[in-house]
Amino acid sequence: QQAYLNADETGPHTPGISAEAAKWLAEEAPVIGVGVETVGTDAGQAH
């Protein structure tokens, strides 16, 4: 759990997708969705 969430005083530090890329994937790309290996589809710092 600790290594997976990889959190410190600034919150989790896990990889993800930028806001610009997420908007493009939602509105322009032909895919129905995205899949990731992290606890959620957003990056740890996405808050």
ModelCIF file with pLDDT and N, C-alpha, C, O atoms, coordinates in Angstrom:
data_MODEL
#
_entry.id   MODEL 
#
_entity.id                         1 
_entity.type                       polymer 
_entity.pdbx_number_of_molecules   1 
#
_entity_poly.entity_id                      1 
_entity_poly.type                           'polypeptide(L)' 
_entity_poly.nstd_linkage                   no 
_entity_poly.nstd_monomer                   no 
_entity_poly.pdbx_seq_one_letter_code       QQAYLNADETGPHTPGISAEAAKWLAEEAPVIGVGVETVGTDAGQAH 
_entity_poly.pdbx_seq_one_letter_code_can   QQAYLNADETGPHTPGISAEAAKWLAEEAPVIGVGVETVGTDAGQAH 
_entity_poly.pdbx_strand_id                 A 
#
loop_
_entity_poly_seq.entity_id 
_entity_poly_seq.num 
_entity_poly_seq.mon_id 
_entity_poly_seq.hetero 
1 1  GLN n 
1 2  GLN n 
1 3  ALA n 
1 4  TYR n 
1 5  LEU n 
1 6  ASN n 
1 7  ALA n 
1 8  ASP n 
1 9  GLU n 
1 10 THR n 
1 11 GLY n 
1 12 PRO n 
1 13 HIS n 
1 14 THR n 
1 15 PRO n 
1 16 GLY n 
1 17 ILE n 
1 18 SER n 
1 19 ALA n 
1 20 GLU n 
1 21 ALA n 
1 22 ALA n 
1 23 LYS n 
1 24 TRP n 
1 25 LEU n 
1 26 ALA n 
1 27 GLU n 
1 28 GLU n 
1 29 ALA n 
1 30 PRO n 
1 31 VAL n 
1 32 ILE n 
1 33 GLY n 
1 34 VAL n 
1 35 GLY n 
1 36 VAL n 
1 37 GLU n 
1 38 THR n 
1 39 VAL n 
1 40 GLY n 
1 41 THR n 
1 42 ASP n 
1 43 ALA n 
1 44 GLY n 
1 45 GLN n 
1 46 ALA n 
1 47 HIS n 
#
_struct_asym.id          A 
_struct_asym.entity_id   1 
#
loop_
_ma_qa_metric.id 
_ma_qa_metric.mode 
_ma_qa_metric.name 
_ma_qa_metric.software_group_id 
_ma_qa_metric.type 
1 global pLDDT . pLDDT 
2 local  pLDDT . pLDDT 
#
_ma_qa_metric_global.metric_id      1 
_ma_qa_metric_global.metric_value   97.45 
_ma_qa_metric_global.model_id       1 
_ma_qa_metric_global.ordinal_id     1 
#
loop_
_ma_qa_metric_local.label_asym_id 
_ma_qa_metric_local.label_comp_id 
_ma_qa_metric_local.label_seq_id 
_ma_qa_metric_local.metric_id 
_ma_qa_metric_local.metric_value 
_ma_qa_metric_local.model_id 
_ma_qa_metric_local.ordinal_id 
A GLN 1  2 96.00 1 1  
A GLN 2  2 97.00 1 2  
A ALA 3  2 97.00 1 3  
A TYR 4  2 98.00 1 4  
A LEU 5  2 97.00 1 5  
A ASN 6  2 98.00 1 6  
A ALA 7  2 96.00 1 7  
A ASP 8  2 96.00 1 8  
A GLU 9  2 93.00 1 9  
A THR 10 2 94.00 1 10 
A GLY 11 2 94.00 1 11 
A PRO 12 2 97.00 1 12 
A HIS 13 2 98.00 1 13 
A THR 14 2 98.00 1 14 
A PRO 15 2 98.00 1 15 
A GLY 16 2 98.00 1 16 
A ILE 17 2 98.00 1 17 
A SER 18 2 98.00 1 18 
A ALA 19 2 98.00 1 19 
A GLU 20 2 98.00 1 20 
A ALA 21 2 98.00 1 21 
A ALA 22 2 98.00 1 22 
A LYS 23 2 98.00 1 23 
A TRP 24 2 98.00 1 24 
A LEU 25 2 98.00 1 25 
A ALA 26 2 98.00 1 26 
A GLU 27 2 98.00 1 27 
A GLU 28 2 98.00 1 28 
A ALA 29 2 98.00 1 29 
A PRO 30 2 98.00 1 30 
A VAL 31 2 98.00 1 31 
A ILE 32 2 98.00 1 32 
A GLY 33 2 98.00 1 33 
A VAL 34 2 98.00 1 34 
A GLY 35 2 98.00 1 35 
A VAL 36 2 98.00 1 36 
A GLU 37 2 98.00 1 37 
A THR 38 2 98.00 1 38 
A VAL 39 2 98.00 1 39 
A GLY 40 2 97.00 1 40 
A THR 41 2 98.00 1 41 
A ASP 42 2 98.00 1 42 
A ALA 43 2 98.00 1 43 
A GLY 44 2 98.00 1 44 
A GLN 45 2 98.00 1 45 
A ALA 46 2 98.00 1 46 
A HIS 47 2 96.00 1 47 
#
loop_
_atom_site.group_PDB 
_atom_site.id 
_atom_site.type_symbol 
_atom_site.label_atom_id 
_atom_site.label_alt_id 
_atom_site.label_comp_id 
_atom_site.label_asym_id 
_atom_site.label_entity_id 
_atom_site.label_seq_id 
_atom_site.pdbx_PDB_ins_code 
_atom_site.Cartn_x 
_atom_site.Cartn_y 
_atom_site.Cartn_z 
_atom_site.occupancy 
_atom_site.B_iso_or_equiv 
_atom_site.pdbx_formal_charge 
_atom_site.auth_seq_id 
_atom_site.auth_comp_id 
_atom_site.auth_asym_id 
_atom_site.auth_atom_id 
_atom_site.pdbx_PDB_model_num 
ATOM 1   N N  . GLN A 1 1  ? 0.819   -1.211 0.000   1.00 96.00 ? 1  GLN A N  1 
ATOM 2   C CA . GLN A 1 1  ? 0.000   0.000  0.000   1.00 96.00 ? 1  GLN A CA 1 
ATOM 3   C C  . GLN A 1 1  ? 0.856   1.265  0.000   1.00 96.00 ? 1  GLN A C  1 
ATOM 4   O O  . GLN A 1 1  ? 0.586   2.188  -0.769  1.00 96.00 ? 1  GLN A O  1 
ATOM 5   N N  . GLN A 1 2  ? 1.867   1.321  0.836   1.00 97.00 ? 2  GLN A N  1 
ATOM 6   C CA . GLN A 1 2  ? 2.675   2.530  0.947   1.00 97.00 ? 2  GLN A CA 1 
ATOM 7   C C  . GLN A 1 2  ? 3.442   2.812  -0.339  1.00 97.00 ? 2  GLN A C  1 
ATOM 8   O O  . GLN A 1 2  ? 3.451   3.944  -0.824  1.00 97.00 ? 2  GLN A O  1 
ATOM 9   N N  . ALA A 1 3  ? 4.081   1.791  -0.889  1.00 97.00 ? 3  ALA A N  1 
ATOM 10  C CA . ALA A 1 3  ? 4.842   1.973  -2.123  1.00 97.00 ? 3  ALA A CA 1 
ATOM 11  C C  . ALA A 1 3  ? 3.918   2.271  -3.297  1.00 97.00 ? 3  ALA A C  1 
ATOM 12  O O  . ALA A 1 3  ? 4.276   3.026  -4.200  1.00 97.00 ? 3  ALA A O  1 
ATOM 13  N N  . TYR A 1 4  ? 2.737   1.678  -3.280  1.00 98.00 ? 4  TYR A N  1 
ATOM 14  C CA . TYR A 1 4  ? 1.791   1.842  -4.392  1.00 98.00 ? 4  TYR A CA 1 
ATOM 15  C C  . TYR A 1 4  ? 1.241   3.263  -4.441  1.00 98.00 ? 4  TYR A C  1 
ATOM 16  O O  . TYR A 1 4  ? 1.154   3.855  -5.517  1.00 98.00 ? 4  TYR A O  1 
ATOM 17  N N  . LEU A 1 5  ? 0.870   3.813  -3.293  1.00 97.00 ? 5  LEU A N  1 
ATOM 18  C CA . LEU A 1 5  ? 0.356   5.184  -3.262  1.00 97.00 ? 5  LEU A CA 1 
ATOM 19  C C  . LEU A 1 5  ? 1.490   6.207  -3.315  1.00 97.00 ? 5  LEU A C  1 
ATOM 20  O O  . LEU A 1 5  ? 1.309   7.305  -3.841  1.00 97.00 ? 5  LEU A O  1 
ATOM 21  N N  . ASN A 1 6  ? 2.657   5.853  -2.774  1.00 98.00 ? 6  ASN A N  1 
ATOM 22  C CA . ASN A 1 6  ? 3.860   6.686  -2.883  1.00 98.00 ? 6  ASN A CA 1 
ATOM 23  C C  . ASN A 1 6  ? 3.587   8.134  -2.469  1.00 98.00 ? 6  ASN A C  1 
ATOM 24  O O  . ASN A 1 6  ? 3.858   9.069  -3.223  1.00 98.00 ? 6  ASN A O  1 
ATOM 25  N N  . ALA A 1 7  ? 3.050   8.300  -1.271  1.00 96.00 ? 7  ALA A N  1 
ATOM 26  C CA . ALA A 1 7  ? 2.619   9.623  -0.811  1.00 96.00 ? 7  ALA A CA 1 
ATOM 27  C C  . ALA A 1 7  ? 3.618   10.248 0.147   1.00 96.00 ? 7  ALA A C  1 
ATOM 28  O O  . ALA A 1 7  ? 4.316   9.555  0.887   1.00 96.00 ? 7  ALA A O  1 
ATOM 29  N N  . ASP A 1 8  ? 3.669   11.579 0.117   1.00 96.00 ? 8  ASP A N  1 
ATOM 30  C CA . ASP A 1 8  ? 4.395   12.346 1.118   1.00 96.00 ? 8  ASP A CA 1 
ATOM 31  C C  . ASP A 1 8  ? 3.516   13.503 1.562   1.00 96.00 ? 8  ASP A C  1 
ATOM 32  O O  . ASP A 1 8  ? 2.300   13.459 1.370   1.00 96.00 ? 8  ASP A O  1 
ATOM 33  N N  . GLU A 1 9  ? 4.099   14.527 2.145   1.00 93.00 ? 9  GLU A N  1 
ATOM 34  C CA . GLU A 1 9  ? 3.293   15.634 2.665   1.00 93.00 ? 9  GLU A CA 1 
ATOM 35  C C  . GLU A 1 9  ? 2.583   16.423 1.561   1.00 93.00 ? 9  GLU A C  1 
ATOM 36  O O  . GLU A 1 9  ? 1.658   17.181 1.850   1.00 93.00 ? 9  GLU A O  1 
ATOM 37  N N  . THR A 1 10 ? 2.997   16.259 0.318   1.00 94.00 ? 10 THR A N  1 
ATOM 38  C CA . THR A 1 10 ? 2.341   16.948 -0.798  1.00 94.00 ? 10 THR A CA 1 
ATOM 39  C C  . THR A 1 10 ? 1.309   16.072 -1.498  1.00 94.00 ? 10 THR A C  1 
ATOM 40  O O  . THR A 1 10 ? 0.691   16.499 -2.473  1.00 94.00 ? 10 THR A O  1 
ATOM 41  N N  . GLY A 1 11 ? 1.120   14.842 -1.004  1.00 94.00 ? 11 GLY A N  1 
ATOM 42  C CA . GLY A 1 11 ? 0.157   13.932 -1.608  1.00 94.00 ? 11 GLY A CA 1 
ATOM 43  C C  . GLY A 1 11 ? 0.836   12.807 -2.355  1.00 94.00 ? 11 GLY A C  1 
ATOM 44  O O  . GLY A 1 11 ? 2.059   12.682 -2.303  1.00 94.00 ? 11 GLY A O  1 
ATOM 45  N N  . PRO A 1 12 ? 0.052   11.968 -3.064  1.00 97.00 ? 12 PRO A N  1 
ATOM 46  C CA . PRO A 1 12 ? 0.618   10.838 -3.790  1.00 97.00 ? 12 PRO A CA 1 
ATOM 47  C C  . PRO A 1 12 ? 1.479   11.291 -4.973  1.00 97.00 ? 12 PRO A C  1 
ATOM 48  O O  . PRO A 1 12 ? 1.242   12.339 -5.573  1.00 97.00 ? 12 PRO A O  1 
ATOM 49  N N  . HIS A 1 13 ? 2.467   10.483 -5.282  1.00 98.00 ? 13 HIS A N  1 
ATOM 50  C CA . HIS A 1 13 ? 3.309   10.724 -6.449  1.00 98.00 ? 13 HIS A CA 1 
ATOM 51  C C  . HIS A 1 13 ? 3.278   9.465  -7.307  1.00 98.00 ? 13 HIS A C  1 
ATOM 52  O O  . HIS A 1 13 ? 4.078   8.548  -7.123  1.00 98.00 ? 13 HIS A O  1 
ATOM 53  N N  . THR A 1 14 ? 2.344   9.442  -8.241  1.00 98.00 ? 14 THR A N  1 
ATOM 54  C CA . THR A 1 14 ? 2.177   8.319  -9.158  1.00 98.00 ? 14 THR A CA 1 
ATOM 55  C C  . THR A 1 14 ? 1.980   8.864  -10.563 1.00 98.00 ? 14 THR A C  1 
ATOM 56  O O  . THR A 1 14 ? 1.475   9.975  -10.722 1.00 98.00 ? 14 THR A O  1 
ATOM 57  N N  . PRO A 1 15 ? 2.369   8.108  -11.589 1.00 98.00 ? 15 PRO A N  1 
ATOM 58  C CA . PRO A 1 15 ? 2.275   8.606  -12.965 1.00 98.00 ? 15 PRO A CA 1 
ATOM 59  C C  . PRO A 1 15 ? 0.835   8.669  -13.454 1.00 98.00 ? 15 PRO A C  1 
ATOM 60  O O  . PRO A 1 15 ? -0.067  8.069  -12.870 1.00 98.00 ? 15 PRO A O  1 
ATOM 61  N N  . GLY A 1 16 ? 0.645   9.407  -14.537 1.00 98.00 ? 16 GLY A N  1 
ATOM 62  C CA . GLY A 1 16 ? -0.694  9.533  -15.086 1.00 98.00 ? 16 GLY A CA 1 
ATOM 63  C C  . GLY A 1 16 ? -0.704  10.226 -16.435 1.00 98.00 ? 16 GLY A C  1 
ATOM 64  O O  . GLY A 1 16 ? 0.240   10.117 -17.217 1.00 98.00 ? 16 GLY A O  1 
ATOM 65  N N  . ILE A 1 17 ? -1.778  10.932 -16.689 1.00 98.00 ? 17 ILE A N  1 
ATOM 66  C CA . ILE A 1 17 ? -2.027  11.579 -17.977 1.00 98.00 ? 17 ILE A CA 1 
ATOM 67  C C  . ILE A 1 17 ? -2.236  13.068 -17.736 1.00 98.00 ? 17 ILE A C  1 
ATOM 68  O O  . ILE A 1 17 ? -2.932  13.456 -16.797 1.00 98.00 ? 17 ILE A O  1 
ATOM 69  N N  . SER A 1 18 ? -1.639  13.899 -18.576 1.00 98.00 ? 18 SER A N  1 
ATOM 70  C CA . SER A 1 18 ? -1.785  15.344 -18.404 1.00 98.00 ? 18 SER A CA 1 
ATOM 71  C C  . SER A 1 18 ? -3.220  15.773 -18.679 1.00 98.00 ? 18 SER A C  1 
ATOM 72  O O  . SER A 1 18 ? -3.984  15.046 -19.314 1.00 98.00 ? 18 SER A O  1 
ATOM 73  N N  . ALA A 1 19 ? -3.580  16.961 -18.194 1.00 98.00 ? 19 ALA A N  1 
ATOM 74  C CA . ALA A 1 19 ? -4.926  17.483 -18.428 1.00 98.00 ? 19 ALA A CA 1 
ATOM 75  C C  . ALA A 1 19 ? -5.188  17.667 -19.919 1.00 98.00 ? 19 ALA A C  1 
ATOM 76  O O  . ALA A 1 19 ? -6.280  17.365 -20.400 1.00 98.00 ? 19 ALA A O  1 
ATOM 77  N N  . GLU A 1 20 ? -4.199  18.159 -20.646 1.00 98.00 ? 20 GLU A N  1 
ATOM 78  C CA . GLU A 1 20 ? -4.373  18.373 -22.085 1.00 98.00 ? 20 GLU A CA 1 
ATOM 79  C C  . GLU A 1 20 ? -4.585  17.046 -22.808 1.00 98.00 ? 20 GLU A C  1 
ATOM 80  O O  . GLU A 1 20 ? -5.449  16.936 -23.677 1.00 98.00 ? 20 GLU A O  1 
ATOM 81  N N  . ALA A 1 21 ? -3.787  16.038 -22.443 1.00 98.00 ? 21 ALA A N  1 
ATOM 82  C CA . ALA A 1 21 ? -3.933  14.733 -23.092 1.00 98.00 ? 21 ALA A CA 1 
ATOM 83  C C  . ALA A 1 21 ? -5.255  14.070 -22.714 1.00 98.00 ? 21 ALA A C  1 
ATOM 84  O O  . ALA A 1 21 ? -5.878  13.417 -23.551 1.00 98.00 ? 21 ALA A O  1 
ATOM 85  N N  . ALA A 1 22 ? -5.688  14.229 -21.467 1.00 98.00 ? 22 ALA A N  1 
ATOM 86  C CA . ALA A 1 22 ? -6.970  13.656 -21.053 1.00 98.00 ? 22 ALA A CA 1 
ATOM 87  C C  . ALA A 1 22 ? -8.116  14.267 -21.849 1.00 98.00 ? 22 ALA A C  1 
ATOM 88  O O  . ALA A 1 22 ? -9.027  13.557 -22.275 1.00 98.00 ? 22 ALA A O  1 
ATOM 89  N N  . LYS A 1 23 ? -8.074  15.576 -22.050 1.00 98.00 ? 23 LYS A N  1 
ATOM 90  C CA . LYS A 1 23 ? -9.120  16.257 -22.838 1.00 98.00 ? 23 LYS A CA 1 
ATOM 91  C C  . LYS A 1 23 ? -9.116  15.759 -24.277 1.00 98.00 ? 23 LYS A C  1 
ATOM 92  O O  . LYS A 1 23 ? -10.173 15.537 -24.868 1.00 98.00 ? 23 LYS A O  1 
ATOM 93  N N  . TRP A 1 24 ? -7.929  15.585 -24.833 1.00 98.00 ? 24 TRP A N  1 
ATOM 94  C CA . TRP A 1 24 ? -7.816  15.095 -26.210 1.00 98.00 ? 24 TRP A CA 1 
ATOM 95  C C  . TRP A 1 24 ? -8.323  13.660 -26.328 1.00 98.00 ? 24 TRP A C  1 
ATOM 96  O O  . TRP A 1 24 ? -9.033  13.331 -27.278 1.00 98.00 ? 24 TRP A O  1 
ATOM 97  N N  . LEU A 1 25 ? -7.966  12.811 -25.376 1.00 98.00 ? 25 LEU A N  1 
ATOM 98  C CA . LEU A 1 25 ? -8.442  11.430 -25.405 1.00 98.00 ? 25 LEU A CA 1 
ATOM 99  C C  . LEU A 1 25 ? -9.960  11.359 -25.276 1.00 98.00 ? 25 LEU A C  1 
ATOM 100 O O  . LEU A 1 25 ? -10.601 10.499 -25.880 1.00 98.00 ? 25 LEU A O  1 
ATOM 101 N N  . ALA A 1 26 ? -10.529 12.264 -24.490 1.00 98.00 ? 26 ALA A N  1 
ATOM 102 C CA . ALA A 1 26 ? -11.977 12.279 -24.289 1.00 98.00 ? 26 ALA A CA 1 
ATOM 103 C C  . ALA A 1 26 ? -12.726 12.813 -25.495 1.00 98.00 ? 26 ALA A C  1 
ATOM 104 O O  . ALA A 1 26 ? -13.776 12.283 -25.859 1.00 98.00 ? 26 ALA A O  1 
ATOM 105 N N  . GLU A 1 27 ? -12.201 13.851 -26.115 1.00 98.00 ? 27 GLU A N  1 
ATOM 106 C CA . GLU A 1 27 ? -12.966 14.592 -27.119 1.00 98.00 ? 27 GLU A CA 1 
ATOM 107 C C  . GLU A 1 27 ? -12.572 14.303 -28.555 1.00 98.00 ? 27 GLU A C  1 
ATOM 108 O O  . GLU A 1 27 ? -13.377 14.507 -29.464 1.00 98.00 ? 27 GLU A O  1 
ATOM 109 N N  . GLU A 1 28 ? -11.337 13.827 -28.784 1.00 98.00 ? 28 GLU A N  1 
ATOM 110 C CA . GLU A 1 28 ? -10.872 13.671 -30.161 1.00 98.00 ? 28 GLU A CA 1 
ATOM 111 C C  . GLU A 1 28 ? -10.408 12.257 -30.498 1.00 98.00 ? 28 GLU A C  1 
ATOM 112 O O  . GLU A 1 28 ? -10.605 11.795 -31.622 1.00 98.00 ? 28 GLU A O  1 
ATOM 113 N N  . ALA A 1 29 ? -9.805  11.579 -29.555 1.00 98.00 ? 29 ALA A N  1 
ATOM 114 C CA . ALA A 1 29 ? -9.288  10.241 -29.842 1.00 98.00 ? 29 ALA A CA 1 
ATOM 115 C C  . ALA A 1 29 ? -10.437 9.244  -30.004 1.00 98.00 ? 29 ALA A C  1 
ATOM 116 O O  . ALA A 1 29 ? -11.497 9.423  -29.405 1.00 98.00 ? 29 ALA A O  1 
ATOM 117 N N  . PRO A 1 30 ? -10.236 8.184  -30.818 1.00 98.00 ? 30 PRO A N  1 
ATOM 118 C CA . PRO A 1 30 ? -11.327 7.240  -31.100 1.00 98.00 ? 30 PRO A CA 1 
ATOM 119 C C  . PRO A 1 30 ? -11.536 6.172  -30.043 1.00 98.00 ? 30 PRO A C  1 
ATOM 120 O O  . PRO A 1 30 ? -12.404 5.316  -30.212 1.00 98.00 ? 30 PRO A O  1 
ATOM 121 N N  . VAL A 1 31 ? -10.771 6.190  -28.960 1.00 98.00 ? 31 VAL A N  1 
ATOM 122 C CA . VAL A 1 31 ? -10.847 5.125  -27.951 1.00 98.00 ? 31 VAL A CA 1 
ATOM 123 C C  . VAL A 1 31 ? -12.093 5.263  -27.083 1.00 98.00 ? 31 VAL A C  1 
ATOM 124 O O  . VAL A 1 31 ? -12.676 6.342  -26.979 1.00 98.00 ? 31 VAL A O  1 
ATOM 125 N N  . ILE A 1 32 ? -12.496 4.139  -26.454 1.00 98.00 ? 32 ILE A N  1 
ATOM 126 C CA . ILE A 1 32 ? -13.633 4.175  -25.521 1.00 98.00 ? 32 ILE A CA 1 
ATOM 127 C C  . ILE A 1 32 ? -13.187 4.385  -24.087 1.00 98.00 ? 32 ILE A C  1 
ATOM 128 O O  . ILE A 1 32 ? -14.012 4.629  -23.206 1.00 98.00 ? 32 ILE A O  1 
ATOM 129 N N  . GLY A 1 33 ? -11.878 4.291  -23.847 1.00 98.00 ? 33 GLY A N  1 
ATOM 130 C CA . GLY A 1 33 ? -11.409 4.499  -22.488 1.00 98.00 ? 33 GLY A CA 1 
ATOM 131 C C  . GLY A 1 33 ? -9.922  4.258  -22.366 1.00 98.00 ? 33 GLY A C  1 
ATOM 132 O O  . GLY A 1 33 ? -9.251  3.886  -23.329 1.00 98.00 ? 33 GLY A O  1 
ATOM 133 N N  . VAL A 1 34 ? -9.415  4.481  -21.150 1.00 98.00 ? 34 VAL A N  1 
ATOM 134 C CA . VAL A 1 34 ? -8.003  4.271  -20.858 1.00 98.00 ? 34 VAL A CA 1 
ATOM 135 C C  . VAL A 1 34 ? -7.870  3.290  -19.700 1.00 98.00 ? 34 VAL A C  1 
ATOM 136 O O  . VAL A 1 34 ? -8.738  3.211  -18.831 1.00 98.00 ? 34 VAL A O  1 
ATOM 137 N N  . GLY A 1 35 ? -6.771  2.548  -19.705 1.00 98.00 ? 35 GLY A N  1 
ATOM 138 C CA . GLY A 1 35 ? -6.471  1.623  -18.627 1.00 98.00 ? 35 GLY A CA 1 
ATOM 139 C C  . GLY A 1 35 ? -5.083  1.900  -18.077 1.00 98.00 ? 35 GLY A C  1 
ATOM 140 O O  . GLY A 1 35 ? -4.158  2.191  -18.834 1.00 98.00 ? 35 GLY A O  1 
ATOM 141 N N  . VAL A 1 36 ? -4.934  1.810  -16.754 1.00 98.00 ? 36 VAL A N  1 
ATOM 142 C CA . VAL A 1 36 ? -3.672  2.146  -16.091 1.00 98.00 ? 36 VAL A CA 1 
ATOM 143 C C  . VAL A 1 36 ? -3.331  1.105  -15.038 1.00 98.00 ? 36 VAL A C  1 
ATOM 144 O O  . VAL A 1 36 ? -4.161  0.265  -14.688 1.00 98.00 ? 36 VAL A O  1 
ATOM 145 N N  . GLU A 1 37 ? -2.105  1.166  -14.536 1.00 98.00 ? 37 GLU A N  1 
ATOM 146 C CA . GLU A 1 37 ? -1.652  0.237  -13.504 1.00 98.00 ? 37 GLU A CA 1 
ATOM 147 C C  . GLU A 1 37 ? -1.732  0.842  -12.104 1.00 98.00 ? 37 GLU A C  1 
ATOM 148 O O  . GLU A 1 37 ? -1.485  0.146  -11.118 1.00 98.00 ? 37 GLU A O  1 
ATOM 149 N N  . THR A 1 38 ? -2.069  2.106  -12.005 1.00 98.00 ? 38 THR A N  1 
ATOM 150 C CA . THR A 1 38 ? -2.122  2.819  -10.734 1.00 98.00 ? 38 THR A CA 1 
ATOM 151 C C  . THR A 1 38 ? -3.498  2.692  -10.091 1.00 98.00 ? 38 THR A C  1 
ATOM 152 O O  . THR A 1 38 ? -4.402  2.083  -10.663 1.00 98.00 ? 38 THR A O  1 
ATOM 153 N N  . VAL A 1 39 ? -3.656  3.272  -8.892  1.00 98.00 ? 39 VAL A N  1 
ATOM 154 C CA . VAL A 1 39 ? -4.888  3.094  -8.115  1.00 98.00 ? 39 VAL A CA 1 
ATOM 155 C C  . VAL A 1 39 ? -6.086  3.777  -8.761  1.00 98.00 ? 39 VAL A C  1 
ATOM 156 O O  . VAL A 1 39 ? -7.227  3.393  -8.508  1.00 98.00 ? 39 VAL A O  1 
ATOM 157 N N  . GLY A 1 40 ? -5.839  4.776  -9.586  1.00 97.00 ? 40 GLY A N  1 
ATOM 158 C CA . GLY A 1 40 ? -6.905  5.461  -10.315 1.00 97.00 ? 40 GLY A CA 1 
ATOM 159 C C  . GLY A 1 40 ? -6.377  5.925  -11.654 1.00 97.00 ? 40 GLY A C  1 
ATOM 160 O O  . GLY A 1 40 ? -5.171  5.877  -11.896 1.00 97.00 ? 40 GLY A O  1 
ATOM 161 N N  . THR A 1 41 ? -7.262  6.374  -12.527 1.00 98.00 ? 41 THR A N  1 
ATOM 162 C CA . THR A 1 41 ? -6.828  6.787  -13.856 1.00 98.00 ? 41 THR A CA 1 
ATOM 163 C C  . THR A 1 41 ? -6.040  8.085  -13.836 1.00 98.00 ? 41 THR A C  1 
ATOM 164 O O  . THR A 1 41 ? -5.292  8.362  -14.773 1.00 98.00 ? 41 THR A O  1 
ATOM 165 N N  . ASP A 1 42 ? -6.191  8.891  -12.781 1.00 98.00 ? 42 ASP A N  1 
ATOM 166 C CA . ASP A 1 42 ? -5.469  10.152 -12.703 1.00 98.00 ? 42 ASP A CA 1 
ATOM 167 C C  . ASP A 1 42 ? -4.140  10.005 -11.987 1.00 98.00 ? 42 ASP A C  1 
ATOM 168 O O  . ASP A 1 42 ? -3.948  9.102  -11.173 1.00 98.00 ? 42 ASP A O  1 
ATOM 169 N N  . ALA A 1 43 ? -3.226  10.912 -12.306 1.00 98.00 ? 43 ALA A N  1 
ATOM 170 C CA . ALA A 1 43 ? -1.935  10.974 -11.638 1.00 98.00 ? 43 ALA A CA 1 
ATOM 171 C C  . ALA A 1 43 ? -2.108  11.312 -10.163 1.00 98.00 ? 43 ALA A C  1 
ATOM 172 O O  . ALA A 1 43 ? -3.127  11.870 -9.758  1.00 98.00 ? 43 ALA A O  1 
ATOM 173 N N  . GLY A 1 44 ? -1.098  10.967 -9.364  1.00 98.00 ? 44 GLY A N  1 
ATOM 174 C CA . GLY A 1 44 ? -1.176  11.229 -7.939  1.00 98.00 ? 44 GLY A CA 1 
ATOM 175 C C  . GLY A 1 44 ? -1.346  12.694 -7.591  1.00 98.00 ? 44 GLY A C  1 
ATOM 176 O O  . GLY A 1 44 ? -1.995  13.029 -6.600  1.00 98.00 ? 44 GLY A O  1 
ATOM 177 N N  . GLN A 1 45 ? -0.763  13.572 -8.403  1.00 98.00 ? 45 GLN A N  1 
ATOM 178 C CA . GLN A 1 45 ? -0.824  15.008 -8.140  1.00 98.00 ? 45 GLN A CA 1 
ATOM 179 C C  . GLN A 1 45 ? -1.972  15.694 -8.880  1.00 98.00 ? 45 GLN A C  1 
ATOM 180 O O  . GLN A 1 45 ? -2.016  16.922 -8.951  1.00 98.00 ? 45 GLN A O  1 
ATOM 181 N N  . ALA A 1 46 ? -2.899  14.908 -9.429  1.00 98.00 ? 46 ALA A N  1 
ATOM 182 C CA . ALA A 1 46 ? -3.967  15.473 -10.266 1.00 98.00 ? 46 ALA A CA 1 
ATOM 183 C C  . ALA A 1 46 ? -4.960  16.333 -9.493  1.00 98.00 ? 46 ALA A C  1 
ATOM 184 O O  . ALA A 1 46 ? -5.758  17.046 -10.101 1.00 98.00 ? 46 ALA A O  1 
ATOM 185 N N  . HIS A 1 47 ? -4.924  16.278 -8.160  1.00 96.00 ? 47 HIS A N  1 
ATOM 186 C CA . HIS A 1 47 ? -5.784  17.165 -7.376  1.00 96.00 ? 47 HIS A CA 1 
ATOM 187 C C  . HIS A 1 47 ? -5.430  18.630 -7.616  1.00 96.00 ? 47 HIS A C  1 
ATOM 188 O O  . HIS A 1 47 ? -6.054  19.519 -7.036  1.00 96.00 ? 47 HIS A O  1 
#
